[in-house]
Amino acid sequence: MTGIQVRGLTKRFGPVAAVTDLSFDVTPGTVTGFLGPNGAGKTTTMRMLLGLVTPTSGTATIGGRRYADLPRPTATVGALLDGSGFHPAHTALDHLRVYARMGGYDAGRVERVAEETGVSAFARRITRELSTGMRQRLNLATALLGDPRVLLLDEPGNGLDPEGIAWLRGFLRERAARGCAVLVSSHQLAEVEQVADRVVVIQQGRLVATATTAELAGARSVLVRSPRTDLLRTCLPAEGGEVEEAGSGALRVHGLTTEQVATAAAAHGVPLYEITPERPTLEKAFLHLTKESR
């Protein structure tokens, strides 16, 4: 199975370091979110993986090979880097047919990817009339022509409506379930949190963190509201919980589940007005990490 390997990757444009000593993996069967502020080096890294930018040092390989050394690149890697590159007078179907001929794929493959991505609904429309969301779907269809085992997607949700975002989420999970290695750069952190198995966070071209989404977001807590927080401060630590103030009449409890908190409160006759499980969001973790690394 084919994955992505980045090792000690560095790219300098004159005095400017776009990427510095970057290393990470994207394994088959997983979706990896590639996160960082604007200008962090995400697109440059993806372009180095595709051989469009030459590294100053280090390696960026697909299945252990440089993109240029792959015997049939589009059958291994499908990429979406931007929404341009359409002939304004071609229909969406014409566009797919041209790229299919370039890659050596038959007409049946064009029909399958058009159906899979929803392009068939506007296949006869010329590309200059397409919305941004339609262009994104057409770009995805083009990337899928070779039925690749690796996907490199830079902001694939741009321009998609809520229905399209939900479709994209299912599409990415389905490709991973087939054994594909999927690397997705996105600023839509709530969507990344729902779909990604792991995340790679970079800042100013350097690795800040790589972890599962659950590890990066952090441990769960429980928000409790009660008129007897004084009793909760006593009984919950005895059950192994850590308690902190969370406003008037409220406590935040770490280390216990909602069931454990409710059971302890009931055992001590403490009335509860609210008990809500909480989990730090990926967005909060991302903002914290990138702020710390400045």
C-alpha atoms as a PDB file:
ATOM      1  CA  MET A   1       0.000   0.000   0.000  1.00  0.00           C
ATOM      2  CA  THR A   2       1.164   3.535  -0.799  1.00  0.00           C
ATOM      3  CA  GLY A   3       1.645   6.379   1.670  1.00  0.00           C
ATOM      4  CA  ILE A   4       3.389   9.745   1.931  1.00  0.00           C
ATOM      5  CA  GLN A   5       6.807  10.249   3.521  1.00  0.00           C
ATOM      6  CA  VAL A   6       8.302  13.678   4.269  1.00  0.00           C
ATOM      7  CA  ARG A   7      11.802  13.707   5.749  1.00  0.00           C
ATOM      8  CA  GLY A   8      13.846  16.765   6.720  1.00  0.00           C
ATOM      9  CA  LEU A   9      12.121  18.774   3.998  1.00  0.00           C
ATOM     10  CA  THR A  10      13.458  22.301   3.541  1.00  0.00           C
ATOM     11  CA  LYS A  11      12.730  24.931   0.906  1.00  0.00           C
ATOM     12  CA  ARG A  12      14.270  28.372   0.736  1.00  0.00           C
ATOM     13  CA  PHE A  13      13.366  31.079  -1.739  1.00  0.00           C
ATOM     14  CA  GLY A  14      16.449  33.258  -1.523  1.00  0.00           C
ATOM     15  CA  PRO A  15      16.651  34.479   2.090  1.00  0.00           C
ATOM     16  CA  VAL A  16      13.112  33.310   2.875  1.00  0.00           C
ATOM     17  CA  ALA A  17      12.629  29.872   4.465  1.00  0.00           C
ATOM     18  CA  ALA A  18       9.235  28.594   3.325  1.00  0.00           C
ATOM     19  CA  VAL A  19       9.684  25.118   4.862  1.00  0.00           C
ATOM     20  CA  THR A  20      12.338  24.055   7.374  1.00  0.00           C
ATOM     21  CA  ASP A  21      13.322  20.503   8.385  1.00  0.00           C
ATOM     22  CA  LEU A  22       9.768  19.171   8.076  1.00  0.00           C
ATOM     23  CA  SER A  23       9.076  15.456   8.668  1.00  0.00           C
ATOM     24  CA  PHE A  24       5.792  13.532   8.832  1.00  0.00           C
ATOM     25  CA  ASP A  25       3.970  10.518   7.368  1.00  0.00           C
ATOM     26  CA  VAL A  26       0.519   9.931   5.905  1.00  0.00           C
ATOM     27  CA  THR A  27      -0.318   6.249   6.139  1.00  0.00           C
ATOM     28  CA  PRO A  28      -2.688   4.305   3.856  1.00  0.00           C
ATOM     29  CA  GLY A  29      -6.249   4.083   5.118  1.00  0.00           C
ATOM     30  CA  THR A  30      -6.149   7.419   6.927  1.00  0.00           C
ATOM     31  CA  VAL A  31      -7.196  11.038   6.417  1.00  0.00           C
ATOM     32  CA  THR A  32      -4.571  13.479   7.677  1.00  0.00           C
ATOM     33  CA  GLY A  33      -5.429  17.145   8.156  1.00  0.00           C
ATOM     34  CA  PHE A  34      -2.588  19.476   7.168  1.00  0.00           C
ATOM     35  CA  LEU A  35      -3.041  22.638   9.231  1.00  0.00           C
ATOM     36  CA  GLY A  36      -1.317  25.967   9.579  1.00  0.00           C
ATOM     37  CA  PRO A  37      -1.940  29.713   9.231  1.00  0.00           C
ATOM     38  CA  ASN A  38      -1.756  31.402   5.829  1.00  0.00           C
ATOM     39  CA  GLY A  39       1.842  31.353   4.645  1.00  0.00           C
ATOM     40  CA  ALA A  40       2.820  28.470   6.927  1.00  0.00           C
ATOM     41  CA  GLY A  41       4.203  26.414   4.016  1.00  0.00           C
ATOM     42  CA  LYS A  42       1.375  23.935   3.415  1.00  0.00           C
ATOM     43  CA  THR A  43       0.959  24.556  -0.310  1.00  0.00           C
ATOM     44  CA  THR A  44       4.734  24.673  -0.841  1.00  0.00           C
ATOM     45  CA  THR A  45       5.019  21.279   0.860  1.00  0.00           C
ATOM     46  CA  MET A  46       2.302  19.806  -1.352  1.00  0.00           C
ATOM     47  CA  ARG A  47       3.955  21.243  -4.446  1.00  0.00           C
ATOM     48  CA  MET A  48       7.244  19.616  -3.431  1.00  0.00           C
ATOM     49  CA  LEU A  49       5.421  16.287  -3.064  1.00  0.00           C
ATOM     50  CA  LEU A  50       4.193  16.724  -6.644  1.00  0.00           C
ATOM     51  CA  GLY A  51       7.577  17.708  -8.033  1.00  0.00           C
ATOM     52  CA  LEU A  52       6.380  21.228  -8.881  1.00  0.00           C
ATOM     53  CA  VAL A  53       8.896  22.791  -6.467  1.00  0.00           C
ATOM     54  CA  THR A  54      12.410  21.424  -5.931  1.00  0.00           C
ATOM     55  CA  PRO A  55      13.403  21.037  -2.260  1.00  0.00           C
ATOM     56  CA  THR A  56      16.499  22.817  -1.036  1.00  0.00           C
ATOM     57  CA  SER A  57      17.150  19.692   1.042  1.00  0.00           C
ATOM     58  CA  GLY A  58      15.307  16.678   2.407  1.00  0.00           C
ATOM     59  CA  THR A  59      12.844  14.411   0.602  1.00  0.00           C
ATOM     60  CA  ALA A  60       9.139  14.299  -0.175  1.00  0.00           C
ATOM     61  CA  THR A  61       8.107  10.910  -1.555  1.00  0.00           C
ATOM     62  CA  ILE A  62       5.066   8.835  -2.452  1.00  0.00           C
ATOM     63  CA  GLY A  63       5.515   5.186  -1.567  1.00  0.00           C
ATOM     64  CA  GLY A  64       9.232   5.857  -1.188  1.00  0.00           C
ATOM     65  CA  ARG A  65       9.562   7.378  -4.689  1.00  0.00           C
ATOM     66  CA  ARG A  66       9.736  10.931  -5.920  1.00  0.00           C
ATOM     67  CA  TYR A  67       6.681  11.914  -7.922  1.00  0.00           C
ATOM     68  CA  ALA A  68       8.851  12.257 -11.046  1.00  0.00           C
ATOM     69  CA  ASP A  69       9.972   8.635 -10.656  1.00  0.00           C
ATOM     70  CA  LEU A  70       6.481   7.136 -10.480  1.00  0.00           C
ATOM     71  CA  PRO A  71       5.816   5.024 -13.595  1.00  0.00           C
ATOM     72  CA  ARG A  72       2.275   6.393 -14.012  1.00  0.00           C
ATOM     73  CA  PRO A  73       1.889   9.334 -11.632  1.00  0.00           C
ATOM     74  CA  THR A  74      -1.842  10.041 -12.008  1.00  0.00           C
ATOM     75  CA  ALA A  75      -2.631   6.390 -11.271  1.00  0.00           C
ATOM     76  CA  THR A  76      -0.806   6.794  -7.948  1.00  0.00           C
ATOM     77  CA  VAL A  77      -1.520  10.384  -6.894  1.00  0.00           C
ATOM     78  CA  GLY A  78      -4.588  12.551  -7.372  1.00  0.00           C
ATOM     79  CA  ALA A  79      -4.090  16.232  -6.573  1.00  0.00           C
ATOM     80  CA  LEU A  80      -6.229  19.333  -6.144  1.00  0.00           C
ATOM     81  CA  LEU A  81      -4.151  22.453  -5.576  1.00  0.00           C
ATOM     82  CA  ASP A  82      -6.296  25.257  -6.995  1.00  0.00           C
ATOM     83  CA  GLY A  83      -9.438  25.901  -8.997  1.00  0.00           C
ATOM     84  CA  SER A  84      -7.821  27.173 -12.202  1.00  0.00           C
ATOM     85  CA  GLY A  85      -6.693  25.405 -15.339  1.00  0.00           C
ATOM     86  CA  PHE A  86     -10.034  25.169 -17.153  1.00  0.00           C
ATOM     87  CA  HIS A  87     -10.461  25.997 -20.829  1.00  0.00           C
ATOM     88  CA  PRO A  88     -13.314  28.540 -20.756  1.00  0.00           C
ATOM     89  CA  ALA A  89     -14.998  27.136 -23.871  1.00  0.00           C
ATOM     90  CA  HIS A  90     -14.877  23.483 -22.784  1.00  0.00           C
ATOM     91  CA  THR A  91     -17.724  21.775 -21.018  1.00  0.00           C
ATOM     92  CA  ALA A  92     -17.039  19.957 -17.767  1.00  0.00           C
ATOM     93  CA  LEU A  93     -17.269  16.697 -19.727  1.00  0.00           C
ATOM     94  CA  ASP A  94     -14.799  17.984 -22.348  1.00  0.00           C
ATOM     95  CA  HIS A  95     -12.371  18.837 -19.548  1.00  0.00           C
ATOM     96  CA  LEU A  96     -12.529  15.320 -18.105  1.00  0.00           C
ATOM     97  CA  ARG A  97     -12.162  13.735 -21.545  1.00  0.00           C
ATOM     98  CA  VAL A  98      -9.016  15.767 -22.290  1.00  0.00           C
ATOM     99  CA  TYR A  99      -7.374  14.763 -19.011  1.00  0.00           C
ATOM    100  CA  ALA A 100      -8.487  11.162 -19.450  1.00  0.00           C
ATOM    101  CA  ARG A 101      -6.783  10.987 -22.862  1.00  0.00           C
ATOM    102  CA  MET A 102      -3.632  12.539 -21.384  1.00  0.00           C
ATOM    103  CA  GLY A 103      -3.577   9.883 -18.675  1.00  0.00           C
ATOM    104  CA  GLY A 104      -4.585   6.992 -20.920  1.00  0.00           C
ATOM    105  CA  TYR A 105      -7.978   6.383 -19.274  1.00  0.00           C
ATOM    106  CA  ASP A 106     -11.066   5.285 -21.161  1.00  0.00           C
ATOM    107  CA  ALA A 107     -14.464   6.963 -21.521  1.00  0.00           C
ATOM    108  CA  GLY A 108     -15.961   4.628 -18.950  1.00  0.00           C
ATOM    109  CA  ARG A 109     -13.641   6.061 -16.320  1.00  0.00           C
ATOM    110  CA  VAL A 110     -14.819   9.597 -17.183  1.00  0.00           C
ATOM    111  CA  GLU A 111     -18.428   8.562 -16.637  1.00  0.00           C
ATOM    112  CA  ARG A 112     -17.640   6.886 -13.307  1.00  0.00           C
ATOM    113  CA  VAL A 113     -15.778   9.838 -11.773  1.00  0.00           C
ATOM    114  CA  ALA A 114     -18.390  12.303 -13.052  1.00  0.00           C
ATOM    115  CA  GLU A 115     -21.102  10.285 -11.334  1.00  0.00           C
ATOM    116  CA  GLU A 116     -19.095   9.785  -8.138  1.00  0.00           C
ATOM    117  CA  THR A 117     -18.361  13.494  -7.685  1.00  0.00           C
ATOM    118  CA  GLY A 118     -21.669  14.919  -8.875  1.00  0.00           C
ATOM    119  CA  VAL A 119     -20.161  16.419 -12.040  1.00  0.00           C
ATOM    120  CA  SER A 120     -22.670  14.501 -14.166  1.00  0.00           C
ATOM    121  CA  ALA A 121     -25.353  16.983 -13.031  1.00  0.00           C
ATOM    122  CA  PHE A 122     -23.585  19.821 -14.907  1.00  0.00           C
ATOM    123  CA  ALA A 123     -21.428  17.878 -17.349  1.00  0.00           C
ATOM    124  CA  ARG A 124     -22.711  19.769 -20.427  1.00  0.00           C
ATOM    125  CA  ARG A 125     -22.157  23.254 -19.005  1.00  0.00           C
ATOM    126  CA  ILE A 126     -19.092  25.222 -20.118  1.00  0.00           C
ATOM    127  CA  THR A 127     -16.511  25.755 -17.422  1.00  0.00           C
ATOM    128  CA  ARG A 128     -16.629  29.568 -17.405  1.00  0.00           C
ATOM    129  CA  GLU A 129     -20.254  29.317 -16.226  1.00  0.00           C
ATOM    130  CA  LEU A 130     -19.518  26.978 -13.324  1.00  0.00           C
ATOM    131  CA  SER A 131     -19.755  28.083  -9.701  1.00  0.00           C
ATOM    132  CA  THR A 132     -16.767  27.734  -7.394  1.00  0.00           C
ATOM    133  CA  GLY A 133     -18.326  24.630  -5.831  1.00  0.00           C
ATOM    134  CA  MET A 134     -18.865  23.047  -9.249  1.00  0.00           C
ATOM    135  CA  ARG A 135     -15.250  23.750 -10.134  1.00  0.00           C
ATOM    136  CA  GLN A 136     -14.133  22.040  -6.933  1.00  0.00           C
ATOM    137  CA  ARG A 137     -16.144  18.944  -7.809  1.00  0.00           C
ATOM    138  CA  LEU A 138     -14.702  18.990 -11.332  1.00  0.00           C
ATOM    139  CA  ASN A 139     -11.178  19.250  -9.948  1.00  0.00           C
ATOM    140  CA  LEU A 140     -11.853  16.298  -7.651  1.00  0.00           C
ATOM    141  CA  ALA A 141     -13.227  14.281 -10.574  1.00  0.00           C
ATOM    142  CA  THR A 142     -10.061  15.066 -12.549  1.00  0.00           C
ATOM    143  CA  ALA A 143      -7.893  13.943  -9.630  1.00  0.00           C
ATOM    144  CA  LEU A 144      -9.782  10.631  -9.474  1.00  0.00           C
ATOM    145  CA  LEU A 145      -9.403   9.649 -13.141  1.00  0.00           C
ATOM    146  CA  GLY A 146      -6.502   7.304 -12.396  1.00  0.00           C
ATOM    147  CA  ASP A 147      -8.217   5.808  -9.311  1.00  0.00           C
ATOM    148  CA  PRO A 148      -5.170   6.908  -7.261  1.00  0.00           C
ATOM    149  CA  ARG A 149      -4.059   5.466  -3.928  1.00  0.00           C
ATOM    150  CA  VAL A 150      -2.932   8.858  -2.625  1.00  0.00           C
ATOM    151  CA  LEU A 151      -4.889  12.133  -2.575  1.00  0.00           C
ATOM    152  CA  LEU A 152      -3.334  15.575  -2.004  1.00  0.00           C
ATOM    153  CA  LEU A 153      -6.129  18.122  -1.554  1.00  0.00           C
ATOM    154  CA  ASP A 154      -5.522  21.804  -0.848  1.00  0.00           C
ATOM    155  CA  GLU A 155      -8.684  23.447   0.547  1.00  0.00           C
ATOM    156  CA  PRO A 156     -11.098  21.044  -1.216  1.00  0.00           C
ATOM    157  CA  GLY A 157     -14.108  22.523   0.609  1.00  0.00           C
ATOM    158  CA  ASN A 158     -13.709  26.004  -0.889  1.00  0.00           C
ATOM    159  CA  GLY A 159     -16.974  27.131  -2.481  1.00  0.00           C
ATOM    160  CA  LEU A 160     -18.976  24.075  -1.453  1.00  0.00           C
ATOM    161  CA  ASP A 161     -22.404  24.621   0.099  1.00  0.00           C
ATOM    162  CA  PRO A 162     -23.435  22.738   3.278  1.00  0.00           C
ATOM    163  CA  GLU A 163     -24.687  19.792   1.222  1.00  0.00           C
ATOM    164  CA  GLY A 164     -21.397  19.741  -0.664  1.00  0.00           C
ATOM    165  CA  ILE A 165     -19.380  19.882   2.565  1.00  0.00           C
ATOM    166  CA  ALA A 166     -21.320  16.909   3.938  1.00  0.00           C
ATOM    167  CA  TRP A 167     -20.735  15.053   0.670  1.00  0.00           C
ATOM    168  CA  LEU A 168     -16.986  15.843   0.796  1.00  0.00           C
ATOM    169  CA  ARG A 169     -16.776  14.502   4.347  1.00  0.00           C
ATOM    170  CA  GLY A 170     -18.279  11.183   3.285  1.00  0.00           C
ATOM    171  CA  PHE A 171     -16.145  11.099   0.149  1.00  0.00           C
ATOM    172  CA  LEU A 172     -12.894  11.484   2.111  1.00  0.00           C
ATOM    173  CA  ARG A 173     -13.852   8.827   4.660  1.00  0.00           C
ATOM    174  CA  GLU A 174     -14.860   6.436   1.876  1.00  0.00           C
ATOM    175  CA  ARG A 175     -11.541   6.891   0.072  1.00  0.00           C
ATOM    176  CA  ALA A 176      -9.648   6.226   3.291  1.00  0.00           C
ATOM    177  CA  ALA A 177     -11.779   3.112   3.875  1.00  0.00           C
ATOM    178  CA  ARG A 178     -10.560   1.867   0.492  1.00  0.00           C
ATOM    179  CA  GLY A 179      -6.983   2.120   1.747  1.00  0.00           C
ATOM    180  CA  CYS A 180      -6.062   5.506   0.293  1.00  0.00           C
ATOM    181  CA  ALA A 181      -3.676   7.893   2.013  1.00  0.00           C
ATOM    182  CA  VAL A 182      -5.412  11.286   2.079  1.00  0.00           C
ATOM    183  CA  LEU A 183      -3.667  14.580   2.939  1.00  0.00           C
ATOM    184  CA  VAL A 184      -6.082  17.514   3.257  1.00  0.00           C
ATOM    185  CA  SER A 185      -5.053  21.112   3.795  1.00  0.00           C
ATOM    186  CA  SER A 186      -7.932  23.178   5.157  1.00  0.00           C
ATOM    187  CA  HIS A 187      -8.855  26.188   7.257  1.00  0.00           C
ATOM    188  CA  GLN A 188     -12.261  24.645   8.059  1.00  0.00           C
ATOM    189  CA  LEU A 189     -11.105  23.184  11.363  1.00  0.00           C
ATOM    190  CA  ALA A 190     -14.519  21.944  12.460  1.00  0.00           C
ATOM    191  CA  GLU A 191     -14.712  19.847   9.295  1.00  0.00           C
ATOM    192  CA  VAL A 192     -11.150  18.570   9.734  1.00  0.00           C
ATOM    193  CA  GLU A 193     -12.018  17.505  13.268  1.00  0.00           C
ATOM    194  CA  GLN A 194     -14.940  15.446  11.961  1.00  0.00           C
ATOM    195  CA  VAL A 195     -13.125  13.716   9.130  1.00  0.00           C
ATOM    196  CA  ALA A 196      -9.402  13.467   9.966  1.00  0.00           C
ATOM    197  CA  ASP A 197      -7.736  10.587  11.788  1.00  0.00           C
ATOM    198  CA  ARG A 198      -4.580  12.595  12.392  1.00  0.00           C
ATOM    199  CA  VAL A 199      -3.402  16.175  12.000  1.00  0.00           C
ATOM    200  CA  VAL A 200      -0.066  17.739  11.119  1.00  0.00           C
ATOM    201  CA  VAL A 201       0.276  21.350  12.285  1.00  0.00           C
ATOM    202  CA  ILE A 202       2.972  23.641  10.908  1.00  0.00           C
ATOM    203  CA  GLN A 203       3.867  27.255  11.623  1.00  0.00           C
ATOM    204  CA  GLN A 204       6.365  29.328   9.630  1.00  0.00           C
ATOM    205  CA  GLY A 205       7.372  26.191   7.761  1.00  0.00           C
ATOM    206  CA  ARG A 206       8.227  24.163  10.862  1.00  0.00           C
ATOM    207  CA  LEU A 207       6.432  21.243  12.444  1.00  0.00           C
ATOM    208  CA  VAL A 208       4.479  22.267  15.542  1.00  0.00           C
ATOM    209  CA  ALA A 209       2.595  19.040  16.264  1.00  0.00           C
ATOM    210  CA  THR A 210       1.514  15.737  14.784  1.00  0.00           C
ATOM    211  CA  ALA A 211      -1.085  13.659  16.614  1.00  0.00           C
ATOM    212  CA  THR A 212      -4.517  12.112  16.353  1.00  0.00           C
ATOM    213  CA  THR A 213      -7.342  14.647  16.410  1.00  0.00           C
ATOM    214  CA  ALA A 214      -8.415  13.355  19.834  1.00  0.00           C
ATOM    215  CA  GLU A 215      -4.894  13.691  21.246  1.00  0.00           C
ATOM    216  CA  LEU A 216      -4.498  17.209  19.931  1.00  0.00           C
ATOM    217  CA  ALA A 217      -7.904  18.414  21.120  1.00  0.00           C
ATOM    218  CA  GLY A 218      -7.221  17.053  24.593  1.00  0.00           C
ATOM    219  CA  ALA A 219      -9.124  15.257  27.306  1.00  0.00           C
ATOM    220  CA  ARG A 220     -12.835  15.621  27.945  1.00  0.00           C
ATOM    221  CA  SER A 221     -14.282  17.447  30.929  1.00  0.00           C
ATOM    222  CA  VAL A 222     -17.740  17.772  32.495  1.00  0.00           C
ATOM    223  CA  LEU A 223     -19.506  21.054  33.216  1.00  0.00           C
ATOM    224  CA  VAL A 224     -21.730  20.877  36.329  1.00  0.00           C
ATOM    225  CA  ARG A 225     -24.185  23.456  37.675  1.00  0.00           C
ATOM    226  CA  SER A 226     -25.579  23.016  41.172  1.00  0.00           C
ATOM    227  CA  PRO A 227     -26.733  25.079  44.163  1.00  0.00           C
ATOM    228  CA  ARG A 228     -24.339  22.978  46.303  1.00  0.00           C
ATOM    229  CA  THR A 229     -21.009  23.337  44.571  1.00  0.00           C
ATOM    230  CA  ASP A 230     -19.446  23.350  48.032  1.00  0.00           C
ATOM    231  CA  LEU A 231     -20.372  19.686  48.479  1.00  0.00           C
ATOM    232  CA  LEU A 232     -19.237  18.817  44.942  1.00  0.00           C
ATOM    233  CA  ARG A 233     -15.818  20.312  45.642  1.00  0.00           C
ATOM    234  CA  THR A 234     -15.494  17.775  48.444  1.00  0.00           C
ATOM    235  CA  CYS A 235     -17.044  14.617  47.006  1.00  0.00           C
ATOM    236  CA  LEU A 236     -15.748  14.723  43.411  1.00  0.00           C
ATOM    237  CA  PRO A 237     -12.018  14.818  44.273  1.00  0.00           C
ATOM    238  CA  ALA A 238     -12.643  11.783  46.496  1.00  0.00           C
ATOM    239  CA  GLU A 239     -13.791   9.959  43.327  1.00  0.00           C
ATOM    240  CA  GLY A 240     -10.645  10.935  41.437  1.00  0.00           C
ATOM    241  CA  GLY A 241     -11.903  14.116  39.797  1.00  0.00           C
ATOM    242  CA  GLU A 242     -10.125  17.454  39.494  1.00  0.00           C
ATOM    243  CA  VAL A 243     -12.431  20.420  40.034  1.00  0.00           C
ATOM    244  CA  GLU A 244     -12.110  24.037  38.878  1.00  0.00           C
ATOM    245  CA  GLU A 245     -14.430  27.024  39.043  1.00  0.00           C
ATOM    246  CA  ALA A 246     -16.468  27.704  35.897  1.00  0.00           C
ATOM    247  CA  GLY A 247     -18.551  30.712  36.888  1.00  0.00           C
ATOM    248  CA  SER A 248     -21.310  31.313  39.375  1.00  0.00           C
ATOM    249  CA  GLY A 249     -22.789  28.020  40.543  1.00  0.00           C
ATOM    250  CA  ALA A 250     -20.734  25.997  38.068  1.00  0.00           C
ATOM    251  CA  LEU A 251     -17.721  23.691  38.193  1.00  0.00           C
ATOM    252  CA  ARG A 252     -15.616  22.055  35.484  1.00  0.00           C
ATOM    253  CA  VAL A 253     -14.613  18.499  36.371  1.00  0.00           C
ATOM    254  CA  HIS A 254     -11.649  16.683  34.801  1.00  0.00           C
ATOM    255  CA  GLY A 255     -10.933  12.973  35.081  1.00  0.00           C
ATOM    256  CA  LEU A 256     -14.515  11.750  35.541  1.00  0.00           C
ATOM    257  CA  THR A 257     -17.286  10.849  33.098  1.00  0.00           C
ATOM    258  CA  THR A 258     -20.777  12.360  33.255  1.00  0.00           C
ATOM    259  CA  GLU A 259     -22.021   9.071  34.715  1.00  0.00           C
ATOM    260  CA  GLN A 260     -19.391   9.133  37.473  1.00  0.00           C
ATOM    261  CA  VAL A 261     -20.162  12.762  38.326  1.00  0.00           C
ATOM    262  CA  ALA A 262     -23.921  12.091  38.457  1.00  0.00           C
ATOM    263  CA  THR A 263     -23.445   8.974  40.595  1.00  0.00           C
ATOM    264  CA  ALA A 264     -21.218  10.816  43.082  1.00  0.00           C
ATOM    265  CA  ALA A 265     -23.651  13.734  43.286  1.00  0.00           C
ATOM    266  CA  ALA A 266     -26.606  11.402  43.878  1.00  0.00           C
ATOM    267  CA  ALA A 267     -24.724   9.477  46.558  1.00  0.00           C
ATOM    268  CA  HIS A 268     -24.188  12.723  48.485  1.00  0.00           C
ATOM    269  CA  GLY A 269     -27.670  14.114  47.865  1.00  0.00           C
ATOM    270  CA  VAL A 270     -26.434  16.986  45.691  1.00  0.00           C
ATOM    271  CA  PRO A 271     -29.013  18.366  43.223  1.00  0.00           C
ATOM    272  CA  LEU A 272     -27.725  19.052  39.718  1.00  0.00           C
ATOM    273  CA  TYR A 273     -29.173  21.724  37.442  1.00  0.00           C
ATOM    274  CA  GLU A 274     -26.885  20.881  34.540  1.00  0.00           C
ATOM    275  CA  ILE A 275     -24.337  18.208  33.643  1.00  0.00           C
ATOM    276  CA  THR A 276     -22.729  18.578  30.227  1.00  0.00           C
ATOM    277  CA  PRO A 277     -19.784  16.667  28.724  1.00  0.00           C
ATOM    278  CA  GLU A 278     -17.216  18.983  27.140  1.00  0.00           C
ATOM    279  CA  ARG A 279     -14.308  18.424  24.832  1.00  0.00           C
ATOM    280  CA  PRO A 280     -11.809  21.058  23.718  1.00  0.00           C
ATOM    281  CA  THR A 281     -12.184  21.731  20.009  1.00  0.00           C
ATOM    282  CA  LEU A 282      -9.481  21.252  17.404  1.00  0.00           C
ATOM    283  CA  GLU A 283      -9.823  24.965  16.661  1.00  0.00           C
ATOM    284  CA  LYS A 284      -8.887  25.925  20.229  1.00  0.00           C
ATOM    285  CA  ALA A 285      -5.944  23.523  20.229  1.00  0.00           C
ATOM    286  CA  PHE A 286      -4.764  24.836  16.863  1.00  0.00           C
ATOM    287  CA  LEU A 287      -4.938  28.479  17.956  1.00  0.00           C
ATOM    288  CA  HIS A 288      -3.077  27.641  21.160  1.00  0.00           C
ATOM    289  CA  LEU A 289      -0.309  25.744  19.346  1.00  0.00           C
ATOM    290  CA  THR A 290       0.245  28.334  16.630  1.00  0.00           C
ATOM    291  CA  LYS A 291       0.211  31.183  19.163  1.00  0.00           C
ATOM    292  CA  GLU A 292       2.825  29.426  21.316  1.00  0.00           C
ATOM    293  CA  SER A 293       5.130  28.783  18.348  1.00  0.00           C
ATOM    294  CA  ARG A 294       5.326  32.382  17.169  1.00  0.00           C
END
